[in-house]
Amino acid sequence: MTANQAPLVAAIGIPVVDMVGYLEDFPARGGHSPGTALQIAPGGPLINVATGVSRLGHASTLLGKVGKDPLGKLVHEALASDGVVIPDRMLSEHPTGLVLVLFDNGGAGEMRSFSFREGSADTTLGPADIEPELLKGVKALFLDGLLCFDERLTRAGQKAADLAKGQGARVFCDPNLRIPEDELASALRERLDLLIGLSDEVLLNEREARILVRKGTNCGVEQLGALLKDTYASVRRWVIKQGEKGCYILSANQSFAYPAFHVEVSDTSGAGDSFDAGWIVGFLEGMDDNKMARFASASAALTVSGKGAWCSLPDRKRVCSFLEDRQ
């Protein structure tokens, strides 16, 4: 990617700073557990996908509000070093949102997260912030599914999708549902359905697929894919991410499973976002479905090999070297 390359990808959603702590074990209520490592870095699916795309060789622009505070400065400088453009109108006087993420088992175990976004910059994004020039020349738009948690944010995503589709760009969406329940509240489902209905391609994990079609674990991935296709007829292609089992791809003309690469897992955070970035890059470069799955799976495998989502997003050289070793 060159410094003056116009962004081909826009990503709209919720940018935050991740504070990630690693523990040996979570303590009992009222107890204490020593940490093994602590990282502070740009985070959230939106930032991870935008950064992942840029590291893989294609400039991106971030459509999400960050503050002018020290955390916002951290985000701005870190993303600029990767070639991610943050337009001036995305800078806010409100504080930058923060998410605390804790992992046990050194990063390979359970995850618990806590968001601190009351009145934060990312909550102020609205349709008026999305101007046509922000999407000029864009070939792909990524919709962060977290937009559905707020009506104003959803409408901003809707406007971006309408503008992108109006100029022939492909729209991708990842629901990114981080909820403990297996059922969506009606208003939340309505907004998420709107975002999915605007999308050409949806990349989601198996649990999210089950939530969308209201099916339990007795439903196989092929049936899940068929139900998704019937429920959301406007979506051209579905990718169901299954972690260490790989992924399942379903389009109008074909469906197939692609196995994951076997690597030593250090930290699973950001794997799905890294996959999304690789998949979008595959689309930009005209890869067929099989090559896209291979490229995206390699990106995800390299991410889980490191610690910290954003820090572990691979660049193009690493992905190519990884794949060359596995010819």
Protein backbone atom coordinates (compact mmCIF):
# COMPACT_ATOMS: atom_id res chain seq x y z
CA MET A 1 0.00 0.00 0.00
CA THR A 2 1.33 3.41 -0.91
CA ALA A 3 0.93 6.51 1.22
CA ASN A 4 -1.26 8.29 -1.37
CA GLN A 5 -3.42 5.30 -2.28
CA ALA A 6 -7.12 6.17 -2.14
CA PRO A 7 -9.08 3.93 0.25
CA LEU A 8 -10.91 1.09 -1.47
CA VAL A 9 -12.61 -0.05 1.74
CA ALA A 10 -14.71 1.90 4.21
CA ALA A 11 -15.68 0.48 7.58
CA ILE A 12 -18.47 1.97 9.70
CA GLY A 13 -19.17 1.14 13.31
CA ILE A 14 -17.90 1.54 16.85
CA PRO A 15 -14.20 2.29 17.43
CA VAL A 16 -12.87 1.80 20.96
CA VAL A 17 -9.67 1.30 22.85
CA ASP A 18 -9.17 -2.23 24.20
CA MET A 19 -7.54 -2.79 27.55
CA VAL A 20 -6.80 -6.51 27.52
CA GLY A 21 -5.70 -8.41 30.59
CA TYR A 22 -4.55 -12.02 30.79
CA LEU A 23 -5.02 -14.15 33.90
CA GLU A 24 -4.18 -17.70 34.83
CA ASP A 25 -7.70 -18.17 36.24
CA PHE A 26 -10.68 -15.96 37.02
CA PRO A 27 -11.02 -15.52 40.79
CA ALA A 28 -14.08 -16.50 42.79
CA ARG A 29 -16.42 -13.66 43.74
CA GLY A 30 -14.59 -11.35 46.11
CA GLY A 31 -11.28 -13.08 45.37
CA HIS A 32 -8.07 -12.05 43.64
CA SER A 33 -6.08 -13.43 40.73
CA PRO A 34 -2.69 -12.10 39.55
CA GLY A 35 -2.48 -11.04 35.94
CA THR A 36 0.14 -12.33 33.54
CA ALA A 37 0.02 -9.52 30.94
CA LEU A 38 -1.80 -6.28 30.14
CA GLN A 39 -2.13 -4.54 26.76
CA ILE A 40 -3.73 -1.26 25.67
CA ALA A 41 -4.40 -0.92 21.96
CA PRO A 42 -7.02 0.19 19.41
CA GLY A 43 -9.85 -2.30 19.39
CA GLY A 44 -13.31 -3.43 18.48
CA PRO A 45 -14.36 -5.23 15.28
CA LEU A 46 -14.49 -1.98 13.29
CA ILE A 47 -10.87 -1.03 13.96
CA ASN A 48 -9.66 -4.61 13.60
CA VAL A 49 -11.25 -5.04 10.16
CA ALA A 50 -10.09 -1.64 8.88
CA THR A 51 -6.55 -2.27 10.13
CA GLY A 52 -6.53 -5.85 8.87
CA VAL A 53 -7.50 -4.74 5.36
CA SER A 54 -4.76 -2.08 5.32
CA ARG A 55 -2.08 -4.45 6.58
CA LEU A 56 -3.08 -6.88 3.85
CA GLY A 57 -2.39 -4.24 1.22
CA HIS A 58 -5.50 -2.13 0.63
CA ALA A 59 -6.08 1.31 2.11
CA SER A 60 -9.16 1.74 4.29
CA THR A 61 -11.10 4.57 5.89
CA LEU A 62 -12.68 4.44 9.34
CA LEU A 63 -16.19 5.84 9.73
CA GLY A 64 -16.61 5.91 13.49
CA LYS A 65 -16.21 8.65 16.08
CA VAL A 66 -13.12 8.84 18.30
CA GLY A 67 -12.35 11.52 20.86
CA LYS A 68 -9.63 14.15 20.86
CA ASP A 69 -8.51 12.86 24.26
CA PRO A 70 -5.31 10.83 24.91
CA LEU A 71 -7.05 7.55 24.05
CA GLY A 72 -8.31 9.03 20.80
CA LYS A 73 -4.80 10.25 20.01
CA LEU A 74 -3.54 6.70 20.61
CA VAL A 75 -6.10 5.38 18.11
CA HIS A 76 -5.41 8.07 15.53
CA GLU A 77 -1.63 7.64 15.58
CA ALA A 78 -1.73 3.85 15.65
CA LEU A 79 -4.14 3.58 12.73
CA ALA A 80 -2.30 6.21 10.71
CA SER A 81 0.84 4.09 10.97
CA ASP A 82 -1.09 1.30 9.22
CA GLY A 83 -2.52 3.58 6.54
CA VAL A 84 -6.06 3.71 7.94
CA VAL A 85 -7.66 7.10 7.24
CA ILE A 86 -9.79 8.70 9.97
CA PRO A 87 -11.62 11.69 8.41
CA ASP A 88 -11.59 14.91 10.42
CA ARG A 89 -15.35 14.82 10.83
CA MET A 90 -14.95 11.56 12.77
CA LEU A 91 -13.10 13.40 15.58
CA SER A 92 -15.25 14.29 18.56
CA GLU A 93 -15.06 16.37 21.73
CA HIS A 94 -16.54 13.40 23.62
CA PRO A 95 -14.19 10.87 25.25
CA THR A 96 -13.08 7.78 23.37
CA GLY A 97 -14.90 4.58 24.31
CA LEU A 98 -13.04 1.94 26.30
CA VAL A 99 -13.55 -1.82 26.56
CA LEU A 100 -11.90 -3.93 29.23
CA VAL A 101 -11.37 -7.53 28.14
CA LEU A 102 -10.13 -10.26 30.46
CA PHE A 103 -8.98 -13.75 29.46
CA ASP A 104 -8.14 -16.69 31.67
CA ASN A 105 -5.83 -19.58 30.79
CA GLY A 106 -3.28 -17.10 29.48
CA GLY A 107 -5.59 -15.97 26.67
CA ALA A 108 -6.78 -19.34 25.38
CA GLY A 109 -9.68 -19.70 27.81
CA GLU A 110 -12.87 -17.85 28.67
CA MET A 111 -13.32 -14.18 27.80
CA ARG A 112 -15.16 -11.57 29.88
CA SER A 113 -15.60 -8.02 28.62
CA PHE A 114 -16.80 -4.74 30.12
CA SER A 115 -17.61 -1.62 28.08
CA PHE A 116 -17.25 1.98 29.23
CA ARG A 117 -19.12 3.92 26.55
CA GLU A 118 -21.61 6.11 28.40
CA GLY A 119 -21.48 9.43 26.52
CA SER A 120 -18.45 8.32 24.52
CA ALA A 121 -17.50 9.63 21.07
CA ASP A 122 -18.60 6.51 19.22
CA THR A 123 -22.20 6.93 20.45
CA THR A 124 -22.51 10.32 18.70
CA LEU A 125 -22.24 9.03 15.11
CA GLY A 126 -25.35 9.76 13.07
CA PRO A 127 -26.58 9.90 9.47
CA ALA A 128 -25.59 13.56 9.14
CA ASP A 129 -21.93 12.54 9.61
CA ILE A 130 -21.99 10.27 6.56
CA GLU A 131 -21.36 12.41 3.50
CA PRO A 132 -20.95 11.02 -0.05
CA GLU A 133 -17.32 12.16 -0.31
CA LEU A 134 -16.39 9.83 2.56
CA LEU A 135 -17.27 6.87 0.34
CA LYS A 136 -15.97 8.19 -2.97
CA GLY A 137 -14.11 5.45 -4.87
CA VAL A 138 -14.86 2.80 -2.24
CA LYS A 139 -15.30 -0.73 -3.62
CA ALA A 140 -16.29 -2.42 -0.36
CA LEU A 141 -18.11 -1.27 2.77
CA PHE A 142 -17.92 -3.14 6.07
CA LEU A 143 -20.88 -2.77 8.42
CA ASP A 144 -20.06 -3.45 12.07
CA GLY A 145 -23.12 -5.27 13.40
CA LEU A 146 -22.69 -3.49 16.74
CA LEU A 147 -24.39 -0.54 15.04
CA CYS A 148 -27.68 -2.32 15.70
CA PHE A 149 -27.48 -1.62 19.43
CA ASP A 150 -28.53 1.99 18.83
CA GLU A 151 -31.11 3.47 16.46
CA ARG A 152 -28.97 6.48 15.54
CA LEU A 153 -25.94 4.32 14.77
CA THR A 154 -28.08 1.95 12.71
CA ARG A 155 -29.34 4.83 10.59
CA ALA A 156 -25.75 5.98 10.02
CA GLY A 157 -24.90 2.48 8.79
CA GLN A 158 -27.98 2.47 6.59
CA LYS A 159 -26.99 5.74 4.94
CA ALA A 160 -23.44 4.50 4.33
CA ALA A 161 -24.76 1.27 2.80
CA ASP A 162 -27.18 3.16 0.54
CA LEU A 163 -24.37 5.43 -0.68
CA ALA A 164 -21.99 2.51 -1.21
CA LYS A 165 -24.52 0.40 -3.10
CA GLY A 166 -25.45 3.44 -5.18
CA GLN A 167 -21.93 3.50 -6.60
CA GLY A 168 -21.70 -0.26 -7.09
CA ALA A 169 -19.68 -1.15 -3.99
CA ARG A 170 -20.09 -4.51 -2.24
CA VAL A 171 -21.48 -4.35 1.33
CA PHE A 172 -20.24 -6.80 3.96
CA CYS A 173 -21.65 -7.24 7.47
CA ASP A 174 -20.53 -9.11 10.57
CA PRO A 175 -23.23 -9.13 13.31
CA ASN A 176 -20.64 -9.30 16.13
CA LEU A 177 -23.30 -10.25 18.66
CA ARG A 178 -21.66 -10.34 22.09
CA ILE A 179 -24.74 -11.22 24.12
CA PRO A 180 -25.20 -13.91 26.79
CA GLU A 181 -28.72 -14.77 25.66
CA ASP A 182 -29.77 -16.85 22.66
CA GLU A 183 -32.64 -14.54 21.77
CA LEU A 184 -32.56 -10.98 20.47
CA ALA A 185 -34.87 -8.29 21.82
CA SER A 186 -37.40 -7.33 19.16
CA ALA A 187 -36.02 -3.81 18.53
CA LEU A 188 -32.47 -5.14 18.37
CA ARG A 189 -33.46 -7.86 15.92
CA GLU A 190 -35.32 -5.36 13.77
CA ARG A 191 -32.27 -3.11 13.48
CA LEU A 192 -29.91 -6.02 12.83
CA ASP A 193 -32.28 -7.39 10.18
CA LEU A 194 -32.14 -3.98 8.51
CA LEU A 195 -28.33 -4.03 8.38
CA ILE A 196 -28.27 -7.60 7.08
CA GLY A 197 -30.89 -6.75 4.47
CA LEU A 198 -28.61 -3.98 3.18
CA SER A 199 -25.66 -6.38 2.87
CA ASP A 200 -24.43 -8.39 -0.08
CA GLU A 201 -22.37 -10.71 2.11
CA VAL A 202 -22.70 -11.65 5.77
CA LEU A 203 -19.87 -13.18 7.77
CA LEU A 204 -20.96 -14.54 11.14
CA ASN A 205 -20.11 -17.27 13.61
CA GLU A 206 -22.18 -20.39 14.13
CA ARG A 207 -23.81 -19.16 17.34
CA GLU A 208 -24.89 -15.93 15.65
CA ALA A 209 -26.39 -17.95 12.80
CA ARG A 210 -28.43 -19.99 15.30
CA ILE A 211 -29.66 -16.82 17.00
CA LEU A 212 -30.76 -15.31 13.69
CA VAL A 213 -32.78 -18.35 12.60
CA ARG A 214 -33.81 -19.37 16.14
CA LYS A 215 -32.33 -22.86 15.95
CA GLY A 216 -30.52 -24.83 18.64
CA THR A 217 -27.40 -26.98 18.45
CA ASN A 218 -29.33 -29.88 16.92
CA CYS A 219 -29.33 -27.98 13.61
CA GLY A 220 -26.32 -28.67 11.37
CA VAL A 221 -24.36 -25.94 9.61
CA GLU A 222 -25.77 -26.87 6.20
CA GLN A 223 -29.32 -26.48 7.50
CA LEU A 224 -28.36 -23.21 9.17
CA GLY A 225 -27.05 -21.91 5.87
CA ALA A 226 -30.22 -22.91 4.05
CA LEU A 227 -32.39 -21.21 6.67
CA LEU A 228 -30.32 -18.02 6.52
CA LYS A 229 -30.58 -17.99 2.74
CA ASP A 230 -34.36 -18.39 2.90
CA THR A 231 -34.78 -15.80 5.67
CA TYR A 232 -32.61 -13.10 4.12
CA ALA A 233 -33.15 -13.51 0.38
CA SER A 234 -31.22 -10.35 -0.61
CA VAL A 235 -27.88 -11.60 0.78
CA ARG A 236 -25.69 -12.98 -2.00
CA ARG A 237 -23.24 -14.97 0.08
CA TRP A 238 -23.02 -16.30 3.63
CA VAL A 239 -19.88 -17.27 5.51
CA ILE A 240 -20.40 -19.15 8.76
CA LYS A 241 -17.19 -19.07 10.80
CA GLN A 242 -16.69 -22.15 12.99
CA GLY A 243 -13.39 -21.47 14.75
CA GLU A 244 -11.05 -24.44 14.77
CA LYS A 245 -13.47 -26.37 12.54
CA GLY A 246 -13.06 -23.85 9.71
CA CYS A 247 -15.91 -22.17 7.85
CA TYR A 248 -18.91 -22.92 5.68
CA ILE A 249 -19.60 -20.83 2.55
CA LEU A 250 -22.99 -20.62 0.89
CA SER A 251 -23.80 -18.63 -2.25
CA ALA A 252 -26.37 -18.87 -5.00
CA ASN A 253 -24.32 -21.36 -7.00
CA GLN A 254 -22.48 -23.45 -4.45
CA SER A 255 -21.87 -24.37 -0.83
CA PHE A 256 -18.80 -25.95 0.74
CA ALA A 257 -16.86 -26.30 3.97
CA TYR A 258 -13.26 -25.10 4.27
CA PRO A 259 -11.07 -26.46 7.10
CA ALA A 260 -9.14 -24.22 9.47
CA PHE A 261 -5.35 -24.24 9.54
CA HIS A 262 -3.95 -26.02 12.58
CA VAL A 263 -1.82 -23.66 14.64
CA GLU A 264 -0.92 -23.26 18.29
CA VAL A 265 -3.54 -20.93 19.77
CA SER A 266 -2.32 -18.15 22.02
CA ASP A 267 -5.33 -15.79 22.04
CA THR A 268 -8.59 -16.20 20.13
CA SER A 269 -9.58 -12.50 20.23
CA GLY A 270 -9.82 -10.85 16.83
CA ALA A 271 -9.82 -14.09 14.84
CA GLY A 272 -13.21 -13.41 13.26
CA ASP A 273 -12.29 -9.81 12.46
CA SER A 274 -9.03 -10.93 10.86
CA PHE A 275 -10.97 -13.47 8.78
CA ASP A 276 -13.35 -10.70 7.67
CA ALA A 277 -10.44 -8.51 6.59
CA GLY A 278 -8.89 -11.34 4.59
CA TRP A 279 -12.23 -12.17 2.98
CA ILE A 280 -12.80 -8.56 1.90
CA VAL A 281 -9.29 -8.36 0.46
CA GLY A 282 -9.97 -11.58 -1.44
CA PHE A 283 -13.06 -9.97 -2.94
CA LEU A 284 -11.12 -6.84 -3.95
CA GLU A 285 -8.55 -8.99 -5.72
CA GLY A 286 -11.09 -11.12 -7.57
CA MET A 287 -10.30 -14.40 -5.82
CA ASP A 288 -12.77 -17.26 -6.17
CA ASP A 289 -14.61 -18.54 -3.08
CA ASN A 290 -12.06 -21.25 -2.34
CA LYS A 291 -9.08 -18.89 -2.53
CA MET A 292 -10.91 -16.31 -0.45
CA ALA A 293 -11.57 -18.90 2.25
CA ARG A 294 -7.93 -19.98 2.21
CA PHE A 295 -6.60 -16.43 2.39
CA ALA A 296 -9.03 -15.37 5.14
CA SER A 297 -8.37 -18.55 7.13
CA ALA A 298 -4.63 -17.92 6.99
CA SER A 299 -5.12 -14.39 8.29
CA ALA A 300 -7.24 -15.67 11.18
CA ALA A 301 -4.75 -18.44 12.00
CA LEU A 302 -1.90 -15.97 12.29
CA THR A 303 -4.00 -13.73 14.54
CA VAL A 304 -4.81 -16.47 17.06
CA SER A 305 -1.10 -17.34 17.15
CA GLY A 306 -0.33 -14.00 18.84
CA LYS A 307 -1.63 -12.10 21.85
CA GLY A 308 -4.03 -9.19 21.49
CA ALA A 309 -6.38 -8.80 18.53
CA TRP A 310 -5.10 -5.59 16.94
CA CYS A 311 -1.45 -6.32 17.69
CA SER A 312 -1.69 -9.74 16.05
CA LEU A 313 -3.40 -8.79 12.80
CA PRO A 314 -0.95 -9.99 10.14
CA ASP A 315 0.49 -8.08 7.22
CA ARG A 316 0.48 -9.31 3.62
CA LYS A 317 4.01 -10.70 3.76
CA ARG A 318 3.23 -12.93 6.75
CA VAL A 319 0.06 -14.31 5.20
CA CYS A 320 1.78 -15.07 1.89
CA SER A 321 4.69 -16.75 3.66
CA PHE A 322 2.26 -18.79 5.79
CA LEU A 323 0.43 -20.01 2.70
CA GLU A 324 3.60 -20.74 0.77
CA ASP A 325 4.73 -23.03 3.58
CA ARG A 326 1.47 -24.95 3.25
CA GLN A 327 1.32 -25.50 -0.49
